Amino acid sequence: IKWSLFGNDMSANVFRKYSLLCGLLINRTVIIPGAKRTICSRTALRNFARMGRRGAHFFSPIHARTHAYSTIASPEVTFDNERVQELLKRMTGRDFDKIFAVRVEELEVPKYQLMSDEQLQEARKEMDEVADTLLKMPPQPAEREERGQSISRDEKLEDFDECCYVFTDISTGLDNESRHIVVRETNGTLRHARWSERDRINQIYFPVKDRQIVFPSLLKDENLPRVFDQLRHANVLDLVCIQCPPDSPDYIRVHKRAHADLLWRENYDLLYSTRHYGPYLWFLSSKHQLEGVLKYFLTMENEANAIDIVQLHHLMFPKMSSALECTRLNITGLPIVKNFSQSMSYDSIVELLEKRSEEEGYDKDTNTDEQNKQSTTTP
């Protein structure tokens, strides 16, 4: 299908209707899976992706694929899976300058200390332990189900007051999720408190450090684009991890917005060596958007991360064609990246790998020629 056949409005309509047919319209983001041939050129797709409103963007490039990969993820492989955590931690990296960077500017006198080799090794071990704590990834659970079921209604209490009454069990030894909190409404209905009400009441009686009772306006949808323009994604994610429980809708919403914005900007190093890098890679893999990050890893000569991200994707989607083929043929190392890129029609990655293999072959031939020359000239 040629790009010139459709106008801008019609092309957007075609993509939107196709995505609705496939049931893949998620958060104003269109994903179209299909065969090895692309629907149109990458340049046209990239231009199309930037045409619309800032918040509503399209993942590009979009590939039309037939049976190339299964969109059904393995239910056994979750974010907390031991193998998944191992791969994500390995890809996060350890840039100590970035890990221990001061987020808030404070004036302190630098400290210098003379150490022996043994003391230096012990200090490094302590720093590694602190780094492990700082790089602990925030959880990515499913969204919780809303509460607020009605218990009873007393007509005698209808219009008794102009405000609702909240009754809270403040007994010690109870966690905030199982604590009994009920609300008596103005019409006399007694019901369980909704999650938003529970979070606010729990913060009043059992405050969490640095968490605000009033939801920060910084985390509202209308203010996020301005913060993202300043590339303060890590600050936003740190704030939402403090402000919201992991299974709350706002926690999940802000994470998705931050990750989608980084993908739209094609920025794959902003969260590197932070505790948010693992969830970002998990997001990319779950959305089948790995071409950009693979190109970034290979360009930075970080082949280990390129292999790990493909292994993660195969772990999440074990029924895709490349995962089955790699398991059957026992393909490991860098060839697994090429096999995956070919199955996903990531032409730029395949070209990059072929060019690199040609250069390595040329270097090997050059070295062997020099060695032969030296051996012939040796008396």
Foldseek 3Di string as FASTA:
>chain_A
DEPVVDDLVVVVVVQVVQQVVVVNCDQLETAAEACLDAPYDQVVQLVSQPPDDPQRGYFPDHGHHDLQFDLAWDPVDDCPDPLLVVLLVVQLDADPCVLPPDPDDDDDDDDDDDDDPVVVVVVVVVSVVVLCVQQAADHADAADDKFKDWDDFDQVQAQVDDAKDKDWDLDPPDDLVPTFIWIQGNRRIIIGDIPLVSLLVCCVSPNDPPADSDDDPCLDPVNVVVVVVVVVLVVSLVNLVRHDDNNHPSNNVSLVSSLVSCSSVLNLPSCRSGNCNSVSLVVCLSSVNCLSVLVVCVVVVNQVSLQSSLVSSCNGGVSRPLNVVCVVVVDGGNVSSLSSCSSRNSVVNVVSVVVVVVVVVVVVVVVVVVVVVVVVPDD
